[in-house]
Amino acid sequence: MTIDKAKRESEFDCLNKMAEACEIGKYMGVSFTAQKGSDGSLRIQKIDKNHSEIDPTTGEMSTGEKIIPMKEVDFMREYKRLKRH
């Protein structure tokens, strides 16, 4: 029960920071959305409108989308990087 409470608090904290990251990121062409993964965990999708690359398998241009699981520290790293700019 304590672990579930800590997990919910961590997810809530990330969602609050995601809203702030969206505000900061809109000036940089970056946005974030929350999704629920197939395993029930929440994930944050980063969409970088300024970054696109050619997919090596298809040869087509793809947008810079990246899904960041909340349980990893990657989103917090992204958040801190945005706060520095």
Protein backbone atom coordinates (compact mmCIF):
# COMPACT_ATOMS: atom_id res chain seq x y z
CA MET A 1 0.00 0.00 0.00
CA THR A 2 2.84 2.39 0.85
CA ILE A 3 4.54 1.59 -2.47
CA ASP A 4 1.34 2.33 -4.40
CA LYS A 5 0.93 5.64 -2.60
CA ALA A 6 4.53 6.62 -3.38
CA LYS A 7 4.03 5.64 -7.03
CA ARG A 8 0.85 7.75 -7.31
CA GLU A 9 2.58 10.72 -5.67
CA SER A 10 5.51 10.39 -8.08
CA GLU A 11 3.15 10.22 -11.07
CA PHE A 12 1.21 13.24 -9.81
CA ASP A 13 4.46 15.18 -9.39
CA CYS A 14 5.52 14.26 -12.94
CA LEU A 15 2.14 15.33 -14.33
CA ASN A 16 2.45 18.70 -12.61
CA LYS A 17 5.95 19.13 -13.97
CA MET A 18 4.71 18.03 -17.40
CA ALA A 19 2.27 20.96 -17.45
CA GLU A 20 5.08 23.35 -16.61
CA ALA A 21 7.36 21.68 -19.19
CA CYS A 22 4.67 22.21 -21.85
CA GLU A 23 4.53 25.92 -21.01
CA ILE A 24 8.30 26.28 -21.27
CA GLY A 25 8.56 23.97 -24.28
CA LYS A 26 6.00 25.73 -26.44
CA TYR A 27 8.58 28.46 -27.11
CA MET A 28 11.07 25.80 -28.15
CA GLY A 29 8.71 23.68 -30.29
CA VAL A 30 8.48 20.87 -27.73
CA SER A 31 5.31 19.49 -26.15
CA PHE A 32 4.44 16.62 -23.84
CA THR A 33 1.35 14.44 -23.48
CA ALA A 34 0.48 11.79 -20.91
CA GLN A 35 -0.49 8.28 -21.98
CA LYS A 36 -1.26 5.02 -20.25
CA GLY A 37 0.98 2.17 -21.33
CA SER A 38 -0.18 -1.35 -22.10
CA ASP A 39 1.11 -2.46 -18.69
CA GLY A 40 -0.96 0.23 -16.92
CA SER A 41 1.94 2.54 -16.21
CA LEU A 42 1.75 6.17 -17.17
CA ARG A 43 4.07 7.40 -19.88
CA ILE A 44 4.93 10.83 -21.15
CA GLN A 45 5.30 11.37 -24.86
CA LYS A 46 7.72 14.07 -25.92
CA ILE A 47 7.00 15.66 -29.29
CA ASP A 48 9.77 17.83 -30.72
CA LYS A 49 8.37 19.77 -33.67
CA ASN A 50 11.79 21.12 -34.64
CA HIS A 51 13.45 17.73 -34.83
CA SER A 52 12.80 15.35 -37.67
CA GLU A 53 14.94 12.65 -39.15
CA ILE A 54 14.92 10.06 -41.88
CA ASP A 55 13.85 6.62 -40.71
CA PRO A 56 16.65 4.25 -41.83
CA THR A 57 14.27 1.32 -42.32
CA THR A 58 11.67 3.10 -44.47
CA GLY A 59 13.61 6.08 -45.79
CA GLU A 60 10.71 8.36 -44.82
CA MET A 61 10.88 11.54 -42.78
CA SER A 62 9.68 11.02 -39.22
CA THR A 63 8.86 13.56 -36.55
CA GLY A 64 10.86 13.72 -33.36
CA GLU A 65 8.53 11.81 -31.05
CA LYS A 66 9.84 9.96 -28.03
CA ILE A 67 7.89 8.12 -25.35
CA ILE A 68 9.39 8.54 -21.89
CA PRO A 69 8.20 6.12 -19.18
CA MET A 70 7.43 8.00 -15.95
CA LYS A 71 9.06 5.29 -13.87
CA GLU A 72 12.39 6.25 -15.39
CA VAL A 73 14.26 9.43 -14.59
CA ASP A 74 14.32 10.51 -18.23
CA PHE A 75 11.37 12.87 -17.88
CA MET A 76 12.92 14.56 -14.86
CA ARG A 77 16.11 14.99 -16.89
CA GLU A 78 14.09 16.58 -19.72
CA TYR A 79 12.28 18.80 -17.23
CA LYS A 80 15.52 20.03 -15.66
CA ARG A 81 17.01 20.67 -19.10
CA LEU A 82 14.00 22.79 -20.08
CA LYS A 83 14.18 24.75 -16.82
CA ARG A 84 17.79 25.69 -17.60
CA HIS A 85 16.88 27.25 -20.96
